[in-house]
PDB file of N, CA and C in Angstrom:
ATOM      1  N   UNK A   1       0.851  -1.161   0.000  1.00  0.00           N
ATOM      2  CA  UNK A   1       0.000   0.000   0.000  1.00  0.00           C
ATOM      3  C   UNK A   1       0.904   1.232   0.000  1.00  0.00           C
ATOM      4  N   UNK A   2       0.821   1.973  -1.085  1.00  0.00           N
ATOM      5  CA  UNK A   2       1.612   3.197  -1.191  1.00  0.00           C
ATOM      6  C   UNK A   2       0.974   4.091  -2.253  1.00  0.00           C
ATOM      7  N   UNK A   3       1.039   5.388  -2.043  1.00  0.00           N
ATOM      8  CA  UNK A   3       0.483   6.351  -3.001  1.00  0.00           C
ATOM      9  C   UNK A   3      -0.974   6.069  -3.338  1.00  0.00           C
ATOM     10  N   UNK A   4      -1.779   5.761  -2.347  1.00  0.00           N
ATOM     11  CA  UNK A   4      -3.204   5.497  -2.530  1.00  0.00           C
ATOM     12  C   UNK A   4      -3.476   4.395  -3.540  1.00  0.00           C
ATOM     13  N   UNK A   5      -2.671   3.316  -3.475  1.00  0.00           N
ATOM     14  CA  UNK A   5      -2.866   2.188  -4.378  1.00  0.00           C
ATOM     15  C   UNK A   5      -2.391   0.899  -3.729  1.00  0.00           C
ATOM     16  N   UNK A   6      -3.014  -0.208  -4.135  1.00  0.00           N
ATOM     17  CA  UNK A   6      -2.524  -1.533  -3.788  1.00  0.00           C
ATOM     18  C   UNK A   6      -1.625  -1.964  -4.945  1.00  0.00           C
ATOM     19  N   UNK A   7      -0.462  -2.480  -4.632  1.00  0.00           N
ATOM     20  CA  UNK A   7       0.444  -2.880  -5.707  1.00  0.00           C
ATOM     21  C   UNK A   7       0.900  -4.310  -5.520  1.00  0.00           C
ATOM     22  N   UNK A   8       0.572  -5.166  -6.455  1.00  0.00           N
ATOM     23  CA  UNK A   8      -0.296  -4.937  -7.614  1.00  0.00           C
ATOM     24  C   UNK A   8      -1.764  -4.976  -7.197  1.00  0.00           C
ATOM     25  N   UNK A   9      -2.645  -4.393  -7.996  1.00  0.00           N
ATOM     26  CA  UNK A   9      -4.059  -4.377  -7.622  1.00  0.00           C
ATOM     27  C   UNK A   9      -4.746  -5.736  -7.763  1.00  0.00           C
ATOM     28  N   UNK A  10      -4.212  -6.605  -8.613  1.00  0.00           N
ATOM     29  CA  UNK A  10      -4.756  -7.956  -8.762  1.00  0.00           C
ATOM     30  C   UNK A  10      -3.655  -8.961  -8.482  1.00  0.00           C
ATOM     31  N   UNK A  11      -3.979  -9.936  -7.626  1.00  0.00           N
ATOM     32  CA  UNK A  11      -3.025 -10.982  -7.266  1.00  0.00           C
ATOM     33  C   UNK A  11      -3.671 -12.328  -7.568  1.00  0.00           C
ATOM     34  N   UNK A  12      -2.912 -13.234  -8.183  1.00  0.00           N
ATOM     35  CA  UNK A  12      -3.376 -14.606  -8.447  1.00  0.00           C
ATOM     36  C   UNK A  12      -2.605 -15.554  -7.536  1.00  0.00           C
ATOM     37  N   UNK A  13      -3.361 -16.371  -6.808  1.00  0.00           N
ATOM     38  CA  UNK A  13      -2.751 -17.338  -5.905  1.00  0.00           C
ATOM     39  C   UNK A  13      -3.480 -18.678  -6.041  1.00  0.00           C
ATOM     40  N   UNK A  14      -3.037 -19.677  -5.286  1.00  0.00           N
ATOM     41  CA  UNK A  14      -3.643 -21.006  -5.269  1.00  0.00           C
ATOM     42  C   UNK A  14      -4.300 -21.233  -3.915  1.00  0.00           C
ATOM     43  N   UNK A  15      -5.357 -22.046  -3.887  1.00  0.00           N
ATOM     44  CA  UNK A  15      -6.034 -22.383  -2.629  1.00  0.00           C
ATOM     45  C   UNK A  15      -4.994 -22.787  -1.583  1.00  0.00           C
ATOM     46  N   UNK A  16      -5.128 -22.227  -0.391  1.00  0.00           N
ATOM     47  CA  UNK A  16      -4.214 -22.506   0.709  1.00  0.00           C
ATOM     48  C   UNK A  16      -3.109 -21.480   0.860  1.00  0.00           C
ATOM     49  N   UNK A  17      -2.923 -20.623  -0.167  1.00  0.00           N
ATOM     50  CA  UNK A  17      -1.915 -19.566  -0.087  1.00  0.00           C
ATOM     51  C   UNK A  17      -2.431 -18.390   0.726  1.00  0.00           C
ATOM     52  N   UNK A  18      -1.504 -17.562   1.154  1.00  0.00           N
ATOM     53  CA  UNK A  18      -1.836 -16.346   1.896  1.00  0.00           C
ATOM     54  C   UNK A  18      -1.414 -15.120   1.105  1.00  0.00           C
ATOM     55  N   UNK A  19      -2.099 -14.029   1.348  1.00  0.00           N
ATOM     56  CA  UNK A  19      -1.715 -12.723   0.822  1.00  0.00           C
ATOM     57  C   UNK A  19      -1.363 -11.853   2.018  1.00  0.00           C
ATOM     58  N   UNK A  20      -0.237 -11.165   1.915  1.00  0.00           N
ATOM     59  CA  UNK A  20       0.171 -10.243   2.978  1.00  0.00           C
ATOM     60  C   UNK A  20       0.234  -8.837   2.405  1.00  0.00           C
ATOM     61  N   UNK A  21      -0.481  -7.934   3.043  1.00  0.00           N
ATOM     62  CA  UNK A  21      -0.443  -6.527   2.688  1.00  0.00           C
ATOM     63  C   UNK A  21       0.506  -5.825   3.646  1.00  0.00           C
ATOM     64  N   UNK A  22       1.337  -4.953   3.125  1.00  0.00           N
ATOM     65  CA  UNK A  22       2.238  -4.143   3.942  1.00  0.00           C
ATOM     66  C   UNK A  22       1.943  -2.679   3.636  1.00  0.00           C
ATOM     67  N   UNK A  23       1.671  -1.917   4.667  1.00  0.00           N
ATOM     68  CA  UNK A  23       1.376  -0.503   4.481  1.00  0.00           C
ATOM     69  C   UNK A  23       2.685   0.285   4.507  1.00  0.00           C
ATOM     70  N   UNK A  24       3.074   0.802   3.360  1.00  0.00           N
ATOM     71  CA  UNK A  24       4.320   1.556   3.250  1.00  0.00           C
ATOM     72  C   UNK A  24       4.145   3.058   3.398  1.00  0.00           C
ATOM     73  N   UNK A  25       2.905   3.525   3.481  1.00  0.00           N
ATOM     74  CA  UNK A  25       2.716   4.968   3.543  1.00  0.00           C
ATOM     75  C   UNK A  25       1.331   5.320   4.069  1.00  0.00           C
ATOM     76  N   UNK A  26       1.242   6.231   5.010  1.00  0.00           N
ATOM     77  CA  UNK A  26      -0.033   6.734   5.510  1.00  0.00           C
ATOM     78  C   UNK A  26      -0.786   5.712   6.342  1.00  0.00           C
ATOM     79  N   UNK A  27      -2.108   5.863   6.396  1.00  0.00           N
ATOM     80  CA  UNK A  27      -2.995   4.946   7.112  1.00  0.00           C
ATOM     81  C   UNK A  27      -3.988   4.369   6.106  1.00  0.00           C
ATOM     82  N   UNK A  28      -4.140   3.047   6.125  1.00  0.00           N
ATOM     83  CA  UNK A  28      -5.022   2.371   5.178  1.00  0.00           C
ATOM     84  C   UNK A  28      -5.651   1.153   5.842  1.00  0.00           C
ATOM     85  N   UNK A  29      -6.587   0.520   5.120  1.00  0.00           N
ATOM     86  CA  UNK A  29      -7.138  -0.767   5.525  1.00  0.00           C
ATOM     87  C   UNK A  29      -7.096  -1.698   4.319  1.00  0.00           C
ATOM     88  N   UNK A  30      -7.241  -2.976   4.576  1.00  0.00           N
ATOM     89  CA  UNK A  30      -7.595  -3.927   3.529  1.00  0.00           C
ATOM     90  C   UNK A  30      -8.891  -4.576   4.020  1.00  0.00           C
ATOM     91  N   UNK A  31      -9.957  -4.301   3.289  1.00  0.00           N
ATOM     92  CA  UNK A  31     -11.301  -4.690   3.696  1.00  0.00           C
ATOM     93  C   UNK A  31     -11.963  -5.417   2.539  1.00  0.00           C
ATOM     94  N   UNK A  32     -12.448  -6.621   2.784  1.00  0.00           N
ATOM     95  CA  UNK A  32     -13.074  -7.381   1.704  1.00  0.00           C
ATOM     96  C   UNK A  32     -14.436  -6.798   1.357  1.00  0.00           C
ATOM     97  N   UNK A  33     -14.709  -6.770   0.053  1.00  0.00           N
ATOM     98  CA  UNK A  33     -15.981  -6.255  -0.433  1.00  0.00           C
ATOM     99  C   UNK A  33     -15.777  -5.367  -1.639  1.00  0.00           C
ATOM    100  N   UNK A  34     -16.807  -4.645  -1.985  1.00  0.00           N
ATOM    101  CA  UNK A  34     -16.800  -3.792  -3.173  1.00  0.00           C
ATOM    102  C   UNK A  34     -16.498  -2.354  -2.782  1.00  0.00           C
ATOM    103  N   UNK A  35     -15.484  -1.768  -3.388  1.00  0.00           N
ATOM    104  CA  UNK A  35     -15.141  -0.370  -3.134  1.00  0.00           C
ATOM    105  C   UNK A  35     -15.961   0.561  -4.000  1.00  0.00           C
ATOM    106  N   UNK A  36     -15.603   1.823  -3.995  1.00  0.00           N
ATOM    107  CA  UNK A  36     -16.294   2.830  -4.800  1.00  0.00           C
ATOM    108  C   UNK A  36     -17.057   3.788  -3.918  1.00  0.00           C
ATOM    109  N   UNK A  37     -17.906   4.617  -4.548  1.00  0.00           N
ATOM    110  CA  UNK A  37     -18.681   5.611  -3.811  1.00  0.00           C
ATOM    111  C   UNK A  37     -19.573   4.978  -2.755  1.00  0.00           C
ATOM    112  N   UNK A  38     -20.238   3.892  -3.115  1.00  0.00           N
ATOM    113  CA  UNK A  38     -21.155   3.215  -2.198  1.00  0.00           C
ATOM    114  C   UNK A  38     -20.536   1.868  -1.821  1.00  0.00           C
ATOM    115  N   UNK A  39     -19.411   1.934  -1.135  1.00  0.00           N
ATOM    116  CA  UNK A  39     -18.693   0.696  -0.836  1.00  0.00           C
ATOM    117  C   UNK A  39     -19.491  -0.209   0.095  1.00  0.00           C
ATOM    118  N   UNK A  40     -19.253  -1.518  -0.052  1.00  0.00           N
ATOM    119  CA  UNK A  40     -19.969  -2.518   0.732  1.00  0.00           C
ATOM    120  C   UNK A  40     -18.971  -3.547   1.246  1.00  0.00           C
ATOM    121  N   UNK A  41     -18.879  -3.684   2.565  1.00  0.00           N
ATOM    122  CA  UNK A  41     -18.047  -4.727   3.162  1.00  0.00           C
ATOM    123  C   UNK A  41     -18.789  -6.058   3.045  1.00  0.00           C
ATOM    124  N   UNK A  42     -18.046  -7.148   2.800  1.00  0.00           N
ATOM    125  CA  UNK A  42     -18.714  -8.446   2.743  1.00  0.00           C
ATOM    126  C   UNK A  42     -18.399  -9.325   3.957  1.00  0.00           C
ATOM    127  N   UNK A  43     -17.567  -8.850   4.876  1.00  0.00           N
ATOM    128  CA  UNK A  43     -17.329  -9.556   6.127  1.00  0.00           C
ATOM    129  C   UNK A  43     -16.291 -10.665   6.085  1.00  0.00           C
ATOM    130  N   UNK A  44     -15.649 -10.892   4.964  1.00  0.00           N
ATOM    131  CA  UNK A  44     -14.636 -11.963   4.895  1.00  0.00           C
ATOM    132  C   UNK A  44     -13.389 -11.600   5.690  1.00  0.00           C
ATOM    133  N   UNK A  45     -12.921 -10.358   5.566  1.00  0.00           N
ATOM    134  CA  UNK A  45     -11.801  -9.885   6.377  1.00  0.00           C
ATOM    135  C   UNK A  45     -11.818  -8.364   6.454  1.00  0.00           C
ATOM    136  N   UNK A  46     -11.198  -7.851   7.481  1.00  0.00           N
ATOM    137  CA  UNK A  46     -11.044  -6.405   7.670  1.00  0.00           C
ATOM    138  C   UNK A  46      -9.844  -6.193   8.584  1.00  0.00           C
ATOM    139  N   UNK A  47      -8.819  -5.584   8.059  1.00  0.00           N
ATOM    140  CA  UNK A  47      -7.592  -5.381   8.825  1.00  0.00           C
ATOM    141  C   UNK A  47      -7.738  -4.331   9.908  1.00  0.00           C
ATOM    142  N   UNK A  48      -8.770  -3.503   9.825  1.00  0.00           N
ATOM    143  CA  UNK A  48      -8.806  -2.325  10.670  1.00  0.00           C
ATOM    144  C   UNK A  48      -7.747  -1.355  10.166  1.00  0.00           C
ATOM    145  N   UNK A  49      -7.569  -0.249  10.849  1.00  0.00           N
ATOM    146  CA  UNK A  49      -6.613   0.759  10.399  1.00  0.00           C
ATOM    147  C   UNK A  49      -5.187   0.263  10.581  1.00  0.00           C
ATOM    148  N   UNK A  50      -4.424   0.302   9.496  1.00  0.00           N
ATOM    149  CA  UNK A  50      -3.020  -0.105   9.522  1.00  0.00           C
ATOM    150  C   UNK A  50      -2.148   1.138   9.440  1.00  0.00           C
ATOM    151  N   UNK A  51      -1.367   1.368  10.471  1.00  0.00           N
ATOM    152  CA  UNK A  51      -0.419   2.472  10.437  1.00  0.00           C
ATOM    153  C   UNK A  51       0.730   2.137   9.504  1.00  0.00           C
ATOM    154  N   UNK A  52       1.480   3.136   9.130  1.00  0.00           N
ATOM    155  CA  UNK A  52       2.642   2.948   8.275  1.00  0.00           C
ATOM    156  C   UNK A  52       3.578   1.896   8.872  1.00  0.00           C
ATOM    157  N   UNK A  53       3.987   0.938   8.061  1.00  0.00           N
ATOM    158  CA  UNK A  53       4.866  -0.144   8.498  1.00  0.00           C
ATOM    159  C   UNK A  53       4.134  -1.387   8.980  1.00  0.00           C
ATOM    160  N   UNK A  54       2.817  -1.311   9.133  1.00  0.00           N
ATOM    161  CA  UNK A  54       2.040  -2.458   9.602  1.00  0.00           C
ATOM    162  C   UNK A  54       1.781  -3.453   8.483  1.00  0.00           C
ATOM    163  N   UNK A  55       1.528  -4.712   8.884  1.00  0.00           N
ATOM    164  CA  UNK A  55       1.234  -5.794   7.932  1.00  0.00           C
ATOM    165  C   UNK A  55      -0.037  -6.507   8.353  1.00  0.00           C
ATOM    166  N   UNK A  56      -0.675  -7.153   7.356  1.00  0.00           N
ATOM    167  CA  UNK A  56      -1.885  -7.915   7.612  1.00  0.00           C
ATOM    168  C   UNK A  56      -1.940  -9.052   6.590  1.00  0.00           C
ATOM    169  N   UNK A  57      -2.300 -10.261   7.030  1.00  0.00           N
ATOM    170  CA  UNK A  57      -2.333 -11.429   6.143  1.00  0.00           C
ATOM    171  C   UNK A  57      -3.681 -12.134   6.201  1.00  0.00           C
ATOM    172  N   UNK A  58      -4.049 -12.737   5.065  1.00  0.00           N
ATOM    173  CA  UNK A  58      -5.255 -13.561   4.966  1.00  0.00           C
ATOM    174  C   UNK A  58      -4.886 -14.818   4.188  1.00  0.00           C
ATOM    175  N   UNK A  59      -5.326 -15.975   4.692  1.00  0.00           N
ATOM    176  CA  UNK A  59      -5.149 -17.252   3.993  1.00  0.00           C
ATOM    177  C   UNK A  59      -6.462 -17.593   3.305  1.00  0.00           C
ATOM    178  N   UNK A  60      -6.379 -18.000   2.040  1.00  0.00           N
ATOM    179  CA  UNK A  60      -7.555 -18.276   1.228  1.00  0.00           C
ATOM    180  C   UNK A  60      -7.710 -19.778   1.035  1.00  0.00           C
ATOM    181  N   UNK A  61      -8.810 -20.325   1.544  1.00  0.00           N
ATOM    182  CA  UNK A  61      -9.050 -21.764   1.507  1.00  0.00           C
ATOM    183  C   UNK A  61     -10.043 -22.189   0.435  1.00  0.00           C
ATOM    184  N   UNK A  62     -10.641 -21.229  -0.264  1.00  0.00           N
ATOM    185  CA  UNK A  62     -11.658 -21.528  -1.276  1.00  0.00           C
ATOM    186  C   UNK A  62     -11.350 -20.758  -2.556  1.00  0.00           C
ATOM    187  N   UNK A  63     -11.447 -21.460  -3.702  1.00  0.00           N
ATOM    188  CA  UNK A  63     -11.231 -20.803  -4.994  1.00  0.00           C
ATOM    189  C   UNK A  63     -12.309 -19.747  -5.228  1.00  0.00           C
ATOM    190  N   UNK A  64     -11.938 -18.692  -5.923  1.00  0.00           N
ATOM    191  CA  UNK A  64     -12.881 -17.628  -6.245  1.00  0.00           C
ATOM    192  C   UNK A  64     -12.166 -16.315  -6.447  1.00  0.00           C
ATOM    193  N   UNK A  65     -12.954 -15.271  -6.679  1.00  0.00           N
ATOM    194  CA  UNK A  65     -12.423 -13.915  -6.825  1.00  0.00           C
ATOM    195  C   UNK A  65     -12.910 -13.096  -5.651  1.00  0.00           C
ATOM    196  N   UNK A  66     -11.971 -12.454  -4.982  1.00  0.00           N
ATOM    197  CA  UNK A  66     -12.248 -11.723  -3.753  1.00  0.00           C
ATOM    198  C   UNK A  66     -11.867 -10.247  -3.928  1.00  0.00           C
ATOM    199  N   UNK A  67     -12.852  -9.384  -4.157  1.00  0.00           N
ATOM    200  CA  UNK A  67     -12.546  -7.960  -4.248  1.00  0.00           C
ATOM    201  C   UNK A  67     -12.283  -7.380  -2.863  1.00  0.00           C
ATOM    202  N   UNK A  68     -11.494  -6.318  -2.826  1.00  0.00           N
ATOM    203  CA  UNK A  68     -11.221  -5.639  -1.560  1.00  0.00           C
ATOM    204  C   UNK A  68     -10.919  -4.169  -1.827  1.00  0.00           C
ATOM    205  N   UNK A  69     -10.881  -3.381  -0.761  1.00  0.00           N
ATOM    206  CA  UNK A  69     -10.672  -1.943  -0.883  1.00  0.00           C
ATOM    207  C   UNK A  69     -10.116  -1.402   0.423  1.00  0.00           C
ATOM    208  N   UNK A  70      -9.704  -0.154   0.389  1.00  0.00           N
ATOM    209  CA  UNK A  70      -9.308   0.562   1.606  1.00  0.00           C
ATOM    210  C   UNK A  70     -10.526   1.337   2.089  1.00  0.00           C
ATOM    211  N   UNK A  71     -10.919   1.099   3.310  1.00  0.00           N
ATOM    212  CA  UNK A  71     -12.112   1.773   3.832  1.00  0.00           C
ATOM    213  C   UNK A  71     -11.907   3.283   3.959  1.00  0.00           C
ATOM    214  N   UNK A  72     -10.675   3.726   4.125  1.00  0.00           N
ATOM    215  CA  UNK A  72     -10.383   5.160   4.222  1.00  0.00           C
ATOM    216  C   UNK A  72     -10.417   5.800   2.835  1.00  0.00           C
ATOM    217  N   UNK A  73      -9.989   5.061   1.816  1.00  0.00           N
ATOM    218  CA  UNK A  73      -9.903   5.561   0.435  1.00  0.00           C
ATOM    219  C   UNK A  73     -10.619   4.583  -0.514  1.00  0.00           C
ATOM    220  N   UNK A  74     -11.937   4.396  -0.388  1.00  0.00           N
ATOM    221  CA  UNK A  74     -12.638   3.341  -1.127  1.00  0.00           C
ATOM    222  C   UNK A  74     -12.733   3.562  -2.636  1.00  0.00           C
ATOM    223  N   UNK A  75     -12.560   4.785  -3.094  1.00  0.00           N
ATOM    224  CA  UNK A  75     -12.629   5.051  -4.530  1.00  0.00           C
ATOM    225  C   UNK A  75     -11.279   4.779  -5.183  1.00  0.00           C
ATOM    226  N   UNK A  76     -10.216   5.292  -4.574  1.00  0.00           N
ATOM    227  CA  UNK A  76      -8.883   5.179  -5.171  1.00  0.00           C
ATOM    228  C   UNK A  76      -8.261   3.804  -4.985  1.00  0.00           C
ATOM    229  N   UNK A  77      -8.490   3.186  -3.839  1.00  0.00           N
ATOM    230  CA  UNK A  77      -7.772   1.964  -3.485  1.00  0.00           C
ATOM    231  C   UNK A  77      -8.687   0.753  -3.523  1.00  0.00           C
ATOM    232  N   UNK A  78      -8.614   0.024  -4.643  1.00  0.00           N
ATOM    233  CA  UNK A  78      -9.389  -1.199  -4.812  1.00  0.00           C
ATOM    234  C   UNK A  78      -8.495  -2.265  -5.424  1.00  0.00           C
ATOM    235  N   UNK A  79      -8.778  -3.514  -5.113  1.00  0.00           N
ATOM    236  CA  UNK A  79      -8.009  -4.609  -5.672  1.00  0.00           C
ATOM    237  C   UNK A  79      -8.820  -5.883  -5.643  1.00  0.00           C
ATOM    238  N   UNK A  80      -8.171  -6.977  -6.048  1.00  0.00           N
ATOM    239  CA  UNK A  80      -8.848  -8.271  -5.984  1.00  0.00           C
ATOM    240  C   UNK A  80      -7.790  -9.375  -5.876  1.00  0.00           C
ATOM    241  N   UNK A  81      -8.204 -10.429  -5.206  1.00  0.00           N
ATOM    242  CA  UNK A  81      -7.400 -11.630  -5.094  1.00  0.00           C
ATOM    243  C   UNK A  81      -8.133 -12.710  -5.872  1.00  0.00           C
ATOM    244  N   UNK A  82      -7.457 -13.311  -6.838  1.00  0.00           N
ATOM    245  CA  UNK A  82      -8.014 -14.418  -7.597  1.00  0.00           C
ATOM    246  C   UNK A  82      -7.377 -15.688  -7.068  1.00  0.00           C
ATOM    247  N   UNK A  83      -8.211 -16.573  -6.515  1.00  0.00           N
ATOM    248  CA  UNK A  83      -7.733 -17.811  -5.921  1.00  0.00           C
ATOM    249  C   UNK A  83      -8.115 -18.957  -6.849  1.00  0.00           C
ATOM    250  N   UNK A  84      -7.075 -19.651  -7.356  1.00  0.00           N
ATOM    251  CA  UNK A  84      -7.294 -20.741  -8.289  1.00  0.00           C
ATOM    252  C   UNK A  84      -7.137 -22.078  -7.574  1.00  0.00           C
ATOM    253  N   UNK A  85      -7.855 -23.121  -8.050  1.00  0.00           N
ATOM    254  CA  UNK A  85      -7.765 -24.440  -7.404  1.00  0.00           C
ATOM    255  C   UNK A  85      -6.353 -25.022  -7.462  1.00  0.00           C
TER     256      UNK A  85
END
């Protein structure tokens, strides 16, 4: 997380893998759900506020596409995790 972006915004992994977000700048969240003007959390995960230098990890046990966003910056900061079998 840096410059109001997730890098990369799309990650492809395999079932059982984990994704780790590291906040390199400012305060952000990684929150599962749909971002944008009318963002919607889906309850799969929510890091809460991550200060600069903080990390947060999620392990994915089911194949699928998992959108996520920063609750502080829901328009600018959106991404997705694609979990393949």
